[in-house]
Amino acid sequence: MTFRTAVVFGAASLPAAGCGGSVDRVAAPPWNSSALEEAVFSRLDADGNDELSRQETAAAPGLAWGFERADADRNGVLSRAELQARFALYEASRLGLTVQDFQLTSNGRPLAAGKVRFVPEFFVAELLEPAEAEILPGGTVGPSIAGSSLPGMRPGFYRVVVEEAQPPVPAAYGSAEATTLGVEVAPAATDRASYGVIQLKIQGK
């Protein structure tokens, strides 16, 4: 299995939504660490203790996937400062697109076909475009933004939606609202979390 490692900064071109053949530069999204931290805590901090447990982040599968990377002191909860620091990595990277490969498995076996969509989590929904790809034999996936002439996706936090999978997977994975599968695509320039092929594991029948 091979994987791609190219990253794209602000010099590349991406078709602008709804603009036909016109293009815009692929600048990094305007990450605002304090605003994003507040958006996450206002929705997920159910007990109001200014910490996020693993159970609370389960409502945002992309954040749950990246929990250990954000938990800098390894105490099993995310503080406001830790989450701000995580978002600050994205801002510092100034990364517009990254080429990231995945392998999708179901109960330990690679999927053979289907479609996968990467839907930005609620707190980055206005910053990131969704990405999508066909699932190739062996479960390999190389997403790109719909309508883009370039490979790659935005670094960030995503819900993973799997459709028309072969072999079939539980129906919940086919809904952006119900899926429990998520991923963090970290800025490759500053974080090893997204090096190589990321494994996305589906469980259940």
N, C-alpha and C. Protein backbone atom coordinates (compact mmCIF):
# COMPACT_ATOMS: atom_id res chain seq x y z
N MET A 1 0.85 -1.19 0.00
CA MET A 1 0.00 0.00 0.00
C MET A 1 0.88 1.24 0.00
N THR A 2 0.56 2.22 -0.83
CA THR A 2 1.31 3.46 -0.87
C THR A 2 0.48 4.59 -0.32
N PHE A 3 1.17 5.65 0.08
CA PHE A 3 0.43 6.82 0.53
C PHE A 3 1.10 8.07 0.02
N ARG A 4 0.34 9.14 -0.05
CA ARG A 4 0.82 10.39 -0.58
C ARG A 4 1.10 11.34 0.57
N THR A 5 2.10 12.18 0.42
CA THR A 5 2.49 13.05 1.53
C THR A 5 2.52 14.52 1.16
N ALA A 6 2.06 14.87 -0.04
CA ALA A 6 2.12 16.27 -0.45
C ALA A 6 1.24 17.14 0.42
N VAL A 7 1.70 18.36 0.65
CA VAL A 7 0.88 19.35 1.34
C VAL A 7 0.82 20.59 0.48
N VAL A 8 -0.26 21.33 0.57
CA VAL A 8 -0.47 22.48 -0.29
C VAL A 8 -0.72 23.70 0.59
N PHE A 9 0.07 24.75 0.40
CA PHE A 9 -0.12 25.98 1.13
C PHE A 9 -0.91 26.96 0.27
N GLY A 10 -0.79 28.21 0.50
CA GLY A 10 -1.66 29.19 -0.13
C GLY A 10 -1.44 29.43 -1.61
N ALA A 11 -0.45 28.80 -2.23
CA ALA A 11 -0.17 29.11 -3.62
C ALA A 11 -0.98 28.29 -4.60
N ALA A 12 -1.67 27.26 -4.14
CA ALA A 12 -2.40 26.38 -5.04
C ALA A 12 -3.76 26.97 -5.39
N SER A 13 -4.43 26.35 -6.35
CA SER A 13 -5.73 26.84 -6.79
C SER A 13 -6.80 25.81 -6.55
N LEU A 14 -7.99 26.29 -6.23
CA LEU A 14 -9.13 25.44 -5.96
C LEU A 14 -10.35 26.12 -6.56
N PRO A 15 -11.19 25.42 -7.32
CA PRO A 15 -12.38 26.06 -7.87
C PRO A 15 -13.24 26.66 -6.78
N ALA A 16 -13.67 27.88 -6.99
CA ALA A 16 -14.54 28.52 -6.02
C ALA A 16 -15.94 27.98 -6.17
N ALA A 17 -16.63 27.76 -5.05
CA ALA A 17 -17.97 27.20 -5.08
C ALA A 17 -18.90 28.11 -5.86
N GLY A 18 -19.60 27.51 -6.84
CA GLY A 18 -20.59 28.27 -7.60
C GLY A 18 -20.02 29.26 -8.59
N CYS A 19 -18.72 29.19 -8.91
CA CYS A 19 -18.11 30.19 -9.77
C CYS A 19 -17.62 29.63 -11.10
N GLY A 20 -18.13 28.48 -11.51
CA GLY A 20 -17.74 27.92 -12.79
C GLY A 20 -16.25 27.65 -12.86
N GLY A 21 -15.58 28.29 -13.86
CA GLY A 21 -14.17 28.02 -14.05
C GLY A 21 -13.25 28.91 -13.23
N SER A 22 -13.78 29.84 -12.46
CA SER A 22 -12.91 30.72 -11.69
C SER A 22 -12.28 29.98 -10.52
N VAL A 23 -11.17 30.51 -10.05
CA VAL A 23 -10.44 29.85 -8.98
C VAL A 23 -10.10 30.84 -7.88
N ASP A 24 -9.91 30.33 -6.69
CA ASP A 24 -9.43 31.09 -5.55
C ASP A 24 -8.17 30.43 -5.03
N ARG A 25 -7.35 31.19 -4.35
CA ARG A 25 -6.20 30.59 -3.70
C ARG A 25 -6.65 29.73 -2.52
N VAL A 26 -5.90 28.66 -2.27
CA VAL A 26 -6.21 27.79 -1.15
C VAL A 26 -5.48 28.31 0.07
N ALA A 27 -6.01 29.34 0.65
CA ALA A 27 -5.45 29.88 1.88
C ALA A 27 -5.91 29.04 3.05
N ALA A 28 -5.16 29.08 4.13
CA ALA A 28 -5.59 28.39 5.34
C ALA A 28 -6.86 29.04 5.87
N PRO A 29 -7.78 28.25 6.43
CA PRO A 29 -8.98 28.83 7.03
C PRO A 29 -8.61 29.77 8.19
N PRO A 30 -9.48 30.70 8.52
CA PRO A 30 -9.19 31.64 9.62
C PRO A 30 -9.45 31.01 10.98
N TRP A 31 -8.53 30.16 11.41
CA TRP A 31 -8.67 29.50 12.70
C TRP A 31 -8.64 30.55 13.82
N ASN A 32 -9.63 30.49 14.69
CA ASN A 32 -9.71 31.38 15.86
C ASN A 32 -9.82 30.47 17.07
N SER A 33 -8.69 30.22 17.74
CA SER A 33 -8.66 29.18 18.76
C SER A 33 -9.61 29.45 19.91
N SER A 34 -9.73 30.69 20.35
CA SER A 34 -10.61 30.98 21.48
C SER A 34 -12.08 30.83 21.10
N ALA A 35 -12.46 31.29 19.90
CA ALA A 35 -13.85 31.16 19.46
C ALA A 35 -14.21 29.69 19.25
N LEU A 36 -13.31 28.91 18.69
CA LEU A 36 -13.58 27.50 18.47
C LEU A 36 -13.68 26.74 19.79
N GLU A 37 -12.78 27.04 20.71
CA GLU A 37 -12.87 26.41 22.04
C GLU A 37 -14.20 26.70 22.70
N GLU A 38 -14.66 27.95 22.61
CA GLU A 38 -15.93 28.32 23.22
C GLU A 38 -17.09 27.59 22.54
N ALA A 39 -17.04 27.45 21.23
CA ALA A 39 -18.11 26.75 20.51
C ALA A 39 -18.19 25.29 20.95
N VAL A 40 -17.04 24.65 21.13
CA VAL A 40 -17.02 23.26 21.57
C VAL A 40 -17.56 23.12 22.98
N PHE A 41 -17.06 23.93 23.90
CA PHE A 41 -17.48 23.79 25.29
C PHE A 41 -18.94 24.16 25.49
N SER A 42 -19.43 25.14 24.74
CA SER A 42 -20.83 25.55 24.93
C SER A 42 -21.80 24.44 24.56
N ARG A 43 -21.39 23.55 23.65
CA ARG A 43 -22.29 22.46 23.26
C ARG A 43 -21.98 21.15 24.00
N LEU A 44 -20.71 20.87 24.26
CA LEU A 44 -20.35 19.54 24.74
C LEU A 44 -20.13 19.44 26.23
N ASP A 45 -19.87 20.54 26.92
CA ASP A 45 -19.58 20.49 28.35
C ASP A 45 -20.89 20.36 29.13
N ALA A 46 -21.44 19.16 29.15
CA ALA A 46 -22.78 18.94 29.70
C ALA A 46 -22.88 19.27 31.18
N ASP A 47 -21.83 19.00 31.95
CA ASP A 47 -21.90 19.25 33.39
C ASP A 47 -21.33 20.61 33.79
N GLY A 48 -20.87 21.38 32.83
CA GLY A 48 -20.43 22.74 33.09
C GLY A 48 -19.20 22.87 33.98
N ASN A 49 -18.33 21.87 33.96
CA ASN A 49 -17.16 21.91 34.85
C ASN A 49 -15.90 22.39 34.15
N ASP A 50 -16.04 22.93 32.94
CA ASP A 50 -14.92 23.44 32.16
C ASP A 50 -13.89 22.37 31.83
N GLU A 51 -14.33 21.13 31.73
CA GLU A 51 -13.51 20.02 31.27
C GLU A 51 -14.38 19.13 30.40
N LEU A 52 -13.77 18.53 29.40
CA LEU A 52 -14.49 17.60 28.54
C LEU A 52 -13.98 16.19 28.78
N SER A 53 -14.89 15.31 29.15
CA SER A 53 -14.54 13.90 29.31
C SER A 53 -14.63 13.20 27.96
N ARG A 54 -14.13 11.98 27.92
CA ARG A 54 -14.26 11.18 26.70
C ARG A 54 -15.74 10.99 26.34
N GLN A 55 -16.56 10.79 27.36
CA GLN A 55 -17.99 10.58 27.12
C GLN A 55 -18.62 11.83 26.48
N GLU A 56 -18.21 13.00 26.92
CA GLU A 56 -18.78 14.23 26.37
C GLU A 56 -18.33 14.45 24.92
N THR A 57 -17.09 14.10 24.61
CA THR A 57 -16.62 14.32 23.23
C THR A 57 -17.17 13.28 22.26
N ALA A 58 -17.80 12.22 22.77
CA ALA A 58 -18.38 11.22 21.88
C ALA A 58 -19.43 11.83 20.95
N ALA A 59 -20.03 12.94 21.36
CA ALA A 59 -21.02 13.62 20.52
C ALA A 59 -20.39 14.30 19.32
N ALA A 60 -19.07 14.40 19.29
CA ALA A 60 -18.33 14.95 18.14
C ALA A 60 -17.24 13.94 17.80
N PRO A 61 -17.55 12.93 16.97
CA PRO A 61 -16.62 11.83 16.73
C PRO A 61 -15.24 12.26 16.25
N GLY A 62 -15.16 13.34 15.49
CA GLY A 62 -13.86 13.81 15.04
C GLY A 62 -13.00 14.27 16.20
N LEU A 63 -13.60 14.99 17.14
CA LEU A 63 -12.87 15.43 18.33
C LEU A 63 -12.53 14.24 19.21
N ALA A 64 -13.46 13.29 19.32
CA ALA A 64 -13.19 12.10 20.12
C ALA A 64 -12.00 11.33 19.57
N TRP A 65 -11.89 11.25 18.24
CA TRP A 65 -10.77 10.54 17.63
C TRP A 65 -9.44 11.19 18.01
N GLY A 66 -9.42 12.53 18.08
CA GLY A 66 -8.20 13.24 18.39
C GLY A 66 -8.00 13.54 19.87
N PHE A 67 -8.81 12.91 20.72
CA PHE A 67 -8.80 13.24 22.16
C PHE A 67 -7.39 13.13 22.76
N GLU A 68 -6.72 12.02 22.53
CA GLU A 68 -5.42 11.80 23.17
C GLU A 68 -4.39 12.81 22.71
N ARG A 69 -4.49 13.29 21.48
CA ARG A 69 -3.53 14.26 20.97
C ARG A 69 -3.75 15.63 21.59
N ALA A 70 -4.99 15.95 21.91
CA ALA A 70 -5.27 17.24 22.54
C ALA A 70 -5.03 17.21 24.05
N ASP A 71 -5.12 16.03 24.66
CA ASP A 71 -4.96 15.89 26.11
C ASP A 71 -3.47 15.93 26.47
N ALA A 72 -2.92 17.13 26.50
CA ALA A 72 -1.47 17.29 26.64
C ALA A 72 -0.93 16.76 27.95
N ASP A 73 -1.70 16.90 29.05
CA ASP A 73 -1.19 16.44 30.35
C ASP A 73 -1.60 15.00 30.67
N ARG A 74 -2.30 14.36 29.73
CA ARG A 74 -2.67 12.95 29.84
C ARG A 74 -3.47 12.64 31.11
N ASN A 75 -4.35 13.56 31.49
CA ASN A 75 -5.15 13.32 32.70
C ASN A 75 -6.56 12.82 32.38
N GLY A 76 -6.84 12.52 31.12
CA GLY A 76 -8.11 11.93 30.75
C GLY A 76 -9.25 12.89 30.52
N VAL A 77 -8.99 14.19 30.58
CA VAL A 77 -10.00 15.20 30.26
C VAL A 77 -9.34 16.31 29.45
N LEU A 78 -10.16 17.04 28.70
CA LEU A 78 -9.66 18.18 27.93
C LEU A 78 -10.04 19.47 28.63
N SER A 79 -9.06 20.30 28.91
CA SER A 79 -9.32 21.62 29.47
C SER A 79 -9.53 22.62 28.34
N ARG A 80 -10.04 23.79 28.69
CA ARG A 80 -10.18 24.85 27.69
C ARG A 80 -8.82 25.21 27.10
N ALA A 81 -7.80 25.29 27.94
CA ALA A 81 -6.47 25.66 27.46
C ALA A 81 -5.92 24.61 26.50
N GLU A 82 -6.14 23.35 26.79
CA GLU A 82 -5.64 22.30 25.91
C GLU A 82 -6.32 22.36 24.55
N LEU A 83 -7.63 22.61 24.55
CA LEU A 83 -8.33 22.68 23.28
C LEU A 83 -7.89 23.90 22.48
N GLN A 84 -7.73 25.03 23.15
CA GLN A 84 -7.22 26.21 22.46
C GLN A 84 -5.85 25.94 21.86
N ALA A 85 -5.00 25.26 22.61
CA ALA A 85 -3.65 24.95 22.11
C ALA A 85 -3.72 24.06 20.89
N ARG A 86 -4.66 23.12 20.88
CA ARG A 86 -4.79 22.24 19.72
C ARG A 86 -5.19 23.03 18.48
N PHE A 87 -6.18 23.91 18.64
CA PHE A 87 -6.60 24.74 17.51
C PHE A 87 -5.48 25.68 17.07
N ALA A 88 -4.67 26.14 18.02
CA ALA A 88 -3.57 27.05 17.69
C ALA A 88 -2.56 26.38 16.76
N LEU A 89 -2.41 25.04 16.85
CA LEU A 89 -1.52 24.33 15.93
C LEU A 89 -1.96 24.51 14.48
N TYR A 90 -3.26 24.47 14.26
CA TYR A 90 -3.78 24.65 12.91
C TYR A 90 -3.49 26.05 12.40
N GLU A 91 -3.72 27.03 13.26
CA GLU A 91 -3.47 28.42 12.86
C GLU A 91 -1.99 28.62 12.55
N ALA A 92 -1.11 28.07 13.37
CA ALA A 92 0.32 28.25 13.17
C ALA A 92 0.82 27.55 11.91
N SER A 93 0.19 26.45 11.52
CA SER A 93 0.65 25.70 10.35
C SER A 93 0.41 26.44 9.04
N ARG A 94 -0.63 27.27 9.01
CA ARG A 94 -0.99 28.02 7.79
C ARG A 94 -1.18 27.07 6.61
N LEU A 95 -1.74 25.91 6.88
CA LEU A 95 -1.90 24.88 5.86
C LEU A 95 -3.28 24.95 5.25
N GLY A 96 -3.33 25.06 3.92
CA GLY A 96 -4.61 25.14 3.22
C GLY A 96 -5.19 23.78 2.90
N LEU A 97 -4.38 22.89 2.35
CA LEU A 97 -4.80 21.54 2.01
C LEU A 97 -3.70 20.56 2.41
N THR A 98 -4.09 19.35 2.71
CA THR A 98 -3.13 18.28 2.89
C THR A 98 -3.64 17.03 2.19
N VAL A 99 -2.75 16.27 1.59
CA VAL A 99 -3.12 15.02 0.94
C VAL A 99 -2.97 13.90 1.96
N GLN A 100 -4.10 13.27 2.30
CA GLN A 100 -4.11 12.26 3.34
C GLN A 100 -4.81 11.00 2.83
N ASP A 101 -4.21 9.85 3.06
CA ASP A 101 -4.82 8.58 2.68
C ASP A 101 -5.33 7.85 3.92
N PHE A 102 -6.36 7.06 3.70
CA PHE A 102 -7.02 6.30 4.76
C PHE A 102 -7.20 4.86 4.30
N GLN A 103 -7.40 3.97 5.27
CA GLN A 103 -7.89 2.62 4.98
C GLN A 103 -9.10 2.36 5.86
N LEU A 104 -10.18 1.95 5.22
CA LEU A 104 -11.43 1.65 5.92
C LEU A 104 -11.58 0.15 6.08
N THR A 105 -11.81 -0.28 7.32
CA THR A 105 -12.05 -1.69 7.59
C THR A 105 -13.36 -1.86 8.34
N SER A 106 -13.97 -3.01 8.17
CA SER A 106 -15.19 -3.37 8.89
C SER A 106 -14.94 -4.68 9.62
N ASN A 107 -14.97 -4.61 10.95
CA ASN A 107 -14.69 -5.78 11.78
C ASN A 107 -13.36 -6.43 11.37
N GLY A 108 -12.38 -5.58 11.10
CA GLY A 108 -11.04 -6.05 10.80
C GLY A 108 -10.76 -6.37 9.35
N ARG A 109 -11.77 -6.30 8.49
CA ARG A 109 -11.58 -6.65 7.07
C ARG A 109 -11.71 -5.39 6.21
N PRO A 110 -10.79 -5.16 5.28
CA PRO A 110 -10.88 -3.97 4.42
C PRO A 110 -12.16 -3.97 3.59
N LEU A 111 -12.77 -2.80 3.46
CA LEU A 111 -13.90 -2.68 2.55
C LEU A 111 -13.40 -2.79 1.12
N ALA A 112 -14.28 -3.28 0.25
CA ALA A 112 -13.90 -3.50 -1.15
C ALA A 112 -14.41 -2.41 -2.07
N ALA A 113 -15.46 -1.70 -1.65
CA ALA A 113 -16.05 -0.68 -2.52
C ALA A 113 -16.97 0.20 -1.67
N GLY A 114 -17.44 1.29 -2.28
CA GLY A 114 -18.36 2.19 -1.61
C GLY A 114 -17.91 3.63 -1.76
N LYS A 115 -18.56 4.49 -1.01
CA LYS A 115 -18.25 5.92 -1.01
C LYS A 115 -18.06 6.37 0.43
N VAL A 116 -17.20 7.36 0.61
CA VAL A 116 -16.99 7.90 1.95
C VAL A 116 -17.01 9.43 1.87
N ARG A 117 -17.67 10.03 2.84
CA ARG A 117 -17.71 11.49 2.93
C ARG A 117 -17.12 11.92 4.27
N PHE A 118 -16.35 12.98 4.25
CA PHE A 118 -15.77 13.57 5.45
C PHE A 118 -16.50 14.88 5.71
N VAL A 119 -17.35 14.88 6.73
CA VAL A 119 -18.22 16.01 7.02
C VAL A 119 -17.64 16.79 8.20
N PRO A 120 -17.31 18.07 8.02
CA PRO A 120 -16.71 18.83 9.12
C PRO A 120 -17.59 18.83 10.37
N GLU A 121 -16.95 18.70 11.53
CA GLU A 121 -17.67 18.78 12.79
C GLU A 121 -18.33 20.15 12.95
N PHE A 122 -19.31 20.24 13.83
CA PHE A 122 -20.13 21.44 13.95
C PHE A 122 -19.30 22.69 14.21
N PHE A 123 -18.22 22.56 14.95
CA PHE A 123 -17.46 23.75 15.35
C PHE A 123 -16.52 24.24 14.25
N VAL A 124 -16.34 23.45 13.19
CA VAL A 124 -15.55 23.89 12.04
C VAL A 124 -16.35 23.87 10.74
N ALA A 125 -17.66 23.74 10.85
CA ALA A 125 -18.50 23.59 9.66
C ALA A 125 -18.44 24.82 8.76
N GLU A 126 -18.18 25.99 9.33
CA GLU A 126 -18.10 27.20 8.52
C GLU A 126 -16.69 27.47 8.02
N LEU A 127 -15.73 26.68 8.45
CA LEU A 127 -14.34 26.87 8.05
C LEU A 127 -13.89 25.89 6.97
N LEU A 128 -14.41 24.67 7.01
CA LEU A 128 -13.89 23.59 6.18
C LEU A 128 -14.93 23.10 5.19
N GLU A 129 -14.47 22.76 3.98
CA GLU A 129 -15.34 22.12 3.01
C GLU A 129 -15.35 20.62 3.24
N PRO A 130 -16.48 19.96 3.02
CA PRO A 130 -16.50 18.50 3.07
C PRO A 130 -15.58 17.91 1.99
N ALA A 131 -15.13 16.69 2.25
CA ALA A 131 -14.32 15.97 1.26
C ALA A 131 -14.98 14.61 1.01
N GLU A 132 -14.62 13.99 -0.09
CA GLU A 132 -15.25 12.72 -0.45
C GLU A 132 -14.32 11.89 -1.31
N ALA A 133 -14.64 10.61 -1.41
CA ALA A 133 -13.82 9.71 -2.24
C ALA A 133 -14.56 8.41 -2.45
N GLU A 134 -14.19 7.70 -3.51
CA GLU A 134 -14.60 6.33 -3.72
C GLU A 134 -13.68 5.42 -2.89
N ILE A 135 -14.25 4.35 -2.35
CA ILE A 135 -13.45 3.36 -1.64
C ILE A 135 -12.90 2.38 -2.67
N LEU A 136 -11.59 2.25 -2.70
CA LEU A 136 -10.93 1.37 -3.65
C LEU A 136 -10.71 -0.01 -3.04
N PRO A 137 -10.46 -1.03 -3.86
CA PRO A 137 -10.17 -2.35 -3.30
C PRO A 137 -9.05 -2.27 -2.27
N GLY A 138 -9.22 -3.02 -1.19
CA GLY A 138 -8.29 -2.92 -0.08
C GLY A 138 -8.69 -1.87 0.94
N GLY A 139 -9.83 -1.19 0.68
CA GLY A 139 -10.33 -0.20 1.63
C GLY A 139 -9.64 1.14 1.56
N THR A 140 -8.81 1.38 0.54
CA THR A 140 -8.06 2.62 0.50
C THR A 140 -8.91 3.78 0.00
N VAL A 141 -8.64 4.95 0.57
CA VAL A 141 -9.41 6.16 0.29
C VAL A 141 -8.45 7.34 0.22
N GLY A 142 -8.56 8.14 -0.84
CA GLY A 142 -7.79 9.37 -0.97
C GLY A 142 -8.72 10.53 -1.25
N PRO A 143 -9.24 11.18 -0.20
CA PRO A 143 -10.29 12.19 -0.38
C PRO A 143 -9.81 13.48 -1.03
N SER A 144 -10.77 14.16 -1.64
CA SER A 144 -10.54 15.51 -2.13
C SER A 144 -11.83 16.30 -1.95
N ILE A 145 -11.69 17.61 -2.00
CA ILE A 145 -12.86 18.48 -1.90
C ILE A 145 -13.66 18.39 -3.19
N ALA A 146 -14.97 18.27 -3.08
CA ALA A 146 -15.82 18.15 -4.27
C ALA A 146 -15.60 19.34 -5.21
N GLY A 147 -15.38 19.03 -6.48
CA GLY A 147 -15.19 20.07 -7.47
C GLY A 147 -13.78 20.60 -7.58
N SER A 148 -12.87 20.11 -6.73
CA SER A 148 -11.50 20.60 -6.76
C SER A 148 -10.71 19.89 -7.86
N SER A 149 -9.79 20.62 -8.49
CA SER A 149 -8.88 20.02 -9.46
C SER A 149 -7.65 19.45 -8.78
N LEU A 150 -7.55 19.61 -7.47
CA LEU A 150 -6.40 19.14 -6.71
C LEU A 150 -6.79 18.01 -5.78
N PRO A 151 -5.89 17.08 -5.52
CA PRO A 151 -6.15 16.10 -4.46
C PRO A 151 -6.00 16.78 -3.11
N GLY A 152 -6.61 16.19 -2.11
CA GLY A 152 -6.40 16.68 -0.75
C GLY A 152 -7.65 17.25 -0.10
N MET A 153 -7.54 17.47 1.19
CA MET A 153 -8.64 17.97 2.00
C MET A 153 -8.09 18.97 3.01
N ARG A 154 -9.01 19.69 3.65
CA ARG A 154 -8.60 20.61 4.69
C ARG A 154 -8.18 19.83 5.94
N PRO A 155 -7.10 20.23 6.60
CA PRO A 155 -6.86 19.70 7.94
C PRO A 155 -8.00 20.09 8.86
N GLY A 156 -8.35 19.21 9.78
CA GLY A 156 -9.43 19.53 10.71
C GLY A 156 -10.10 18.29 11.28
N PHE A 157 -11.30 18.48 11.80
CA PHE A 157 -12.04 17.46 12.52
C PHE A 157 -13.29 17.09 11.72
N TYR A 158 -13.48 15.78 11.48
CA TYR A 158 -14.55 15.33 10.59
C TYR A 158 -15.32 14.15 11.17
N ARG A 159 -16.61 14.12 10.81
CA ARG A 159 -17.42 12.90 10.91
C ARG A 159 -17.23 12.13 9.61
N VAL A 160 -17.12 10.81 9.72
CA VAL A 160 -16.90 9.99 8.52
C VAL A 160 -18.19 9.23 8.21
N VAL A 161 -18.69 9.42 7.00
CA VAL A 161 -19.95 8.82 6.54
C VAL A 161 -19.62 7.83 5.43
N VAL A 162 -20.08 6.60 5.59
CA VAL A 162 -19.78 5.53 4.64
C VAL A 162 -21.08 5.09 3.96
N GLU A 163 -21.09 5.12 2.66
CA GLU A 163 -22.29 4.81 1.89
C GLU A 163 -21.99 3.73 0.86
N GLU A 164 -23.01 2.90 0.56
CA GLU A 164 -22.92 1.87 -0.49
C GLU A 164 -21.73 0.95 -0.28
N ALA A 165 -21.41 0.67 0.96
CA ALA A 165 -20.21 -0.11 1.27
C ALA A 165 -20.39 -1.57 0.90
N GLN A 166 -19.31 -2.17 0.44
CA GLN A 166 -19.24 -3.61 0.21
C GLN A 166 -18.01 -4.16 0.92
N PRO A 167 -18.20 -5.09 1.85
CA PRO A 167 -19.48 -5.60 2.34
C PRO A 167 -20.25 -4.52 3.10
N PRO A 168 -21.57 -4.69 3.27
CA PRO A 168 -22.39 -3.69 3.94
C PRO A 168 -21.93 -3.44 5.37
N VAL A 169 -22.16 -2.20 5.83
CA VAL A 169 -21.83 -1.81 7.20
C VAL A 169 -23.11 -1.35 7.88
N PRO A 170 -23.14 -1.25 9.22
CA PRO A 170 -24.35 -0.80 9.91
C PRO A 170 -24.86 0.54 9.37
N ALA A 171 -26.18 0.66 9.30
CA ALA A 171 -26.81 1.82 8.67
C ALA A 171 -26.40 3.14 9.31
N ALA A 172 -26.09 3.12 10.61
CA ALA A 172 -25.74 4.37 11.30
C ALA A 172 -24.55 5.05 10.67
N TYR A 173 -23.63 4.28 10.10
CA TYR A 173 -22.43 4.88 9.51
C TYR A 173 -22.75 5.65 8.23
N GLY A 174 -23.95 5.47 7.70
CA GLY A 174 -24.34 6.18 6.49
C GLY A 174 -25.00 7.51 6.74
N SER A 175 -25.08 7.94 7.99
CA SER A 175 -25.72 9.21 8.35
C SER A 175 -24.73 10.10 9.08
N ALA A 176 -24.63 11.36 8.63
CA ALA A 176 -23.73 12.30 9.30
C ALA A 176 -24.15 12.56 10.73
N GLU A 177 -25.45 12.47 11.01
CA GLU A 177 -25.94 12.72 12.36
C GLU A 177 -25.71 11.53 13.28
N ALA A 178 -25.75 10.32 12.73
CA ALA A 178 -25.69 9.12 13.58
C ALA A 178 -24.33 8.46 13.64
N THR A 179 -23.46 8.73 12.67
CA THR A 179 -22.18 8.02 12.65
C THR A 179 -21.38 8.24 13.92
N THR A 180 -20.70 7.21 14.35
CA THR A 180 -19.78 7.32 15.48
C THR A 180 -18.33 7.30 15.02
N LEU A 181 -18.14 7.29 13.71
CA LEU A 181 -16.80 7.25 13.13
C LEU A 181 -16.35 8.67 12.83
N GLY A 182 -15.20 9.03 13.34
CA GLY A 182 -14.66 10.36 13.11
C GLY A 182 -13.16 10.30 12.94
N VAL A 183 -12.58 11.44 12.58
CA VAL A 183 -11.14 11.50 12.42
C VAL A 183 -10.68 12.95 12.56
N GLU A 184 -9.47 13.11 13.06
CA GLU A 184 -8.79 14.39 13.01
C GLU A 184 -7.68 14.28 11.99
N VAL A 185 -7.71 15.15 11.00
CA VAL A 185 -6.61 15.25 10.04
C VAL A 185 -5.77 16.43 10.49
N ALA A 186 -4.68 16.13 11.19
CA ALA A 186 -3.87 17.17 11.81
C ALA A 186 -2.97 17.84 10.80
N PRO A 187 -2.53 19.07 11.09
CA PRO A 187 -1.57 19.73 10.19
C PRO A 187 -0.27 18.94 10.12
N ALA A 188 0.06 18.42 8.96
CA ALA A 188 1.21 17.53 8.83
C ALA A 188 2.52 18.20 9.21
N ALA A 189 2.58 19.52 9.07
CA ALA A 189 3.83 20.22 9.35
C ALA A 189 4.15 20.25 10.85
N THR A 190 3.16 20.04 11.68
CA THR A 190 3.39 20.21 13.12
C THR A 190 3.00 18.99 13.94
N ASP A 191 2.46 17.95 13.33
CA ASP A 191 1.89 16.87 14.12
C ASP A 191 2.04 15.55 13.40
N ARG A 192 2.52 14.53 14.08
CA ARG A 192 2.71 13.21 13.47
C ARG A 192 1.42 12.40 13.42
N ALA A 193 0.32 12.92 13.97
CA ALA A 193 -0.92 12.15 14.06
C ALA A 193 -1.44 11.73 12.68
N SER A 194 -1.13 12.52 11.65
CA SER A 194 -1.67 12.23 10.33
C SER A 194 -0.62 11.73 9.35
N TYR A 195 0.53 11.30 9.83
CA TYR A 195 1.53 10.73 8.94
C TYR A 195 1.09 9.32 8.52
N GLY A 196 1.38 8.95 7.29
CA GLY A 196 1.07 7.62 6.83
C GLY A 196 -0.41 7.45 6.53
N VAL A 197 -0.85 6.21 6.49
CA VAL A 197 -2.24 5.88 6.20
C VAL A 197 -3.01 5.80 7.52
N ILE A 198 -4.05 6.60 7.65
CA ILE A 198 -4.88 6.57 8.85
C ILE A 198 -5.88 5.43 8.76
N GLN A 199 -5.95 4.63 9.79
CA GLN A 199 -6.89 3.52 9.84
C GLN A 199 -8.23 3.98 10.41
N LEU A 200 -9.31 3.73 9.68
CA LEU A 200 -10.67 4.04 10.10
C LEU A 200 -11.41 2.71 10.27
N LYS A 201 -11.79 2.41 11.51
CA LYS A 201 -12.29 1.06 11.83
C LYS A 201 -13.77 1.10 12.17
N ILE A 202 -14.54 0.36 11.38
CA ILE A 202 -15.97 0.19 11.61
C ILE A 202 -16.20 -1.10 12.37
N GLN A 203 -17.06 -1.03 13.36
CA GLN A 203 -17.39 -2.20 14.16
C GLN A 203 -18.89 -2.44 14.13
N GLY A 204 -19.29 -3.70 14.23
CA GLY A 204 -20.71 -4.05 14.29
C GLY A 204 -21.23 -4.58 12.98
N LYS A 205 -22.43 -5.17 13.05
CA LYS A 205 -23.05 -5.76 11.87
C LYS A 205 -24.40 -5.13 11.60
